[in-house]
Amino acid sequence: MQILLNGERFVTEATSLDELCAALGFADAKVATAVNGSFVAATARGNTQLTEADEVEIVAPRQGG
């Protein structure tokens, strides 16, 4: 399916947000996630199903100030 990932078109076979994070190498990383503008907690990612044209944001914290 095709989604919008961090503002870019992206094709994925993942059906859940948890699967998408794992496929991108963020399985154990501390990241913030949102789908269609709504925050998704880490504990809810496995239950968050992705559908065609969803807008997904994955943000990793940065060091510095």
C-alpha atoms as a PDB file:
ATOM      1  CA  MET A   1       0.000   0.000   0.000  1.00  0.00           C
ATOM      2  CA  GLN A   2       1.035   3.587  -0.457  1.00  0.00           C
ATOM      3  CA  ILE A   3       1.190   5.957   2.521  1.00  0.00           C
ATOM      4  CA  LEU A   4       2.656   9.365   3.233  1.00  0.00           C
ATOM      5  CA  LEU A   5       5.615   8.903   5.609  1.00  0.00           C
ATOM      6  CA  ASN A   6       7.046  12.079   7.108  1.00  0.00           C
ATOM      7  CA  GLY A   7       5.680  14.014   4.138  1.00  0.00           C
ATOM      8  CA  GLU A   8       7.041  11.660   1.463  1.00  0.00           C
ATOM      9  CA  ARG A   9       5.207   9.016  -0.545  1.00  0.00           C
ATOM     10  CA  PHE A  10       6.196   5.563   0.663  1.00  0.00           C
ATOM     11  CA  VAL A  11       5.190   2.043  -0.381  1.00  0.00           C
ATOM     12  CA  THR A  12       4.965  -0.592   2.355  1.00  0.00           C
ATOM     13  CA  GLU A  13       3.669  -4.093   2.977  1.00  0.00           C
ATOM     14  CA  ALA A  14       3.192  -3.306   6.698  1.00  0.00           C
ATOM     15  CA  THR A  15      -0.390  -3.483   7.904  1.00  0.00           C
ATOM     16  CA  SER A  16       0.171  -1.976  11.350  1.00  0.00           C
ATOM     17  CA  LEU A  17       2.166   0.940  12.680  1.00  0.00           C
ATOM     18  CA  ASP A  18       4.235  -1.492  14.748  1.00  0.00           C
ATOM     19  CA  GLU A  19       5.174  -3.477  11.618  1.00  0.00           C
ATOM     20  CA  LEU A  20       6.096  -0.275   9.795  1.00  0.00           C
ATOM     21  CA  CYS A  21       8.359   0.876  12.632  1.00  0.00           C
ATOM     22  CA  ALA A  22      10.065  -2.534  12.695  1.00  0.00           C
ATOM     23  CA  ALA A  23      10.555  -2.533   8.913  1.00  0.00           C
ATOM     24  CA  LEU A  24      12.194   0.896   9.131  1.00  0.00           C
ATOM     25  CA  GLY A  25      14.560  -0.210  11.900  1.00  0.00           C
ATOM     26  CA  PHE A  26      12.737   1.540  14.756  1.00  0.00           C
ATOM     27  CA  ALA A  27      11.486  -1.598  16.537  1.00  0.00           C
ATOM     28  CA  ASP A  28      13.339  -0.886  19.793  1.00  0.00           C
ATOM     29  CA  ALA A  29      13.986   2.817  19.285  1.00  0.00           C
ATOM     30  CA  LYS A  30      12.395   5.593  21.305  1.00  0.00           C
ATOM     31  CA  VAL A  31      10.342   7.425  18.684  1.00  0.00           C
ATOM     32  CA  ALA A  32       7.143   9.434  18.614  1.00  0.00           C
ATOM     33  CA  THR A  33       4.487   8.320  16.145  1.00  0.00           C
ATOM     34  CA  ALA A  34       1.291   9.771  14.721  1.00  0.00           C
ATOM     35  CA  VAL A  35      -1.221   8.590  12.136  1.00  0.00           C
ATOM     36  CA  ASN A  36      -3.389  11.127  10.345  1.00  0.00           C
ATOM     37  CA  GLY A  37      -2.427  13.790  12.863  1.00  0.00           C
ATOM     38  CA  SER A  38      -3.245  11.757  15.986  1.00  0.00           C
ATOM     39  CA  PHE A  39      -0.483  10.726  18.412  1.00  0.00           C
ATOM     40  CA  VAL A  40      -0.079   6.949  18.779  1.00  0.00           C
ATOM     41  CA  ALA A  41       1.562   5.675  21.969  1.00  0.00           C
ATOM     42  CA  ALA A  42       4.176   2.926  21.666  1.00  0.00           C
ATOM     43  CA  THR A  43       1.842   0.468  23.413  1.00  0.00           C
ATOM     44  CA  ALA A  44      -0.897   1.103  20.818  1.00  0.00           C
ATOM     45  CA  ARG A  45       1.197   0.706  17.656  1.00  0.00           C
ATOM     46  CA  GLY A  46       0.442  -2.999  17.269  1.00  0.00           C
ATOM     47  CA  ASN A  47      -3.291  -2.269  17.294  1.00  0.00           C
ATOM     48  CA  THR A  48      -3.037   0.689  14.909  1.00  0.00           C
ATOM     49  CA  GLN A  49      -3.888  -0.598  11.447  1.00  0.00           C
ATOM     50  CA  LEU A  50      -2.603   1.253   8.406  1.00  0.00           C
ATOM     51  CA  THR A  51      -4.726   1.887   5.331  1.00  0.00           C
ATOM     52  CA  GLU A  52      -4.033   3.271   1.889  1.00  0.00           C
ATOM     53  CA  ALA A  53      -3.090   6.980   1.888  1.00  0.00           C
ATOM     54  CA  ASP A  54      -2.595   7.241   5.673  1.00  0.00           C
ATOM     55  CA  GLU A  55      -0.313  10.066   6.771  1.00  0.00           C
ATOM     56  CA  VAL A  56       2.288   8.675   9.187  1.00  0.00           C
ATOM     57  CA  GLU A  57       4.845  10.667  11.157  1.00  0.00           C
ATOM     58  CA  ILE A  58       7.785   8.996  12.901  1.00  0.00           C
ATOM     59  CA  VAL A  59      10.062  11.336  14.828  1.00  0.00           C
ATOM     60  CA  ALA A  60      13.242  10.340  16.655  1.00  0.00           C
ATOM     61  CA  PRO A  61      14.570  12.600  19.428  1.00  0.00           C
ATOM     62  CA  ARG A  62      17.695  14.613  18.736  1.00  0.00           C
ATOM     63  CA  GLN A  63      20.473  15.511  21.095  1.00  0.00           C
ATOM     64  CA  GLY A  64      21.668  19.017  21.546  1.00  0.00           C
ATOM     65  CA  GLY A  65      20.027  22.244  22.411  1.00  0.00           C
END
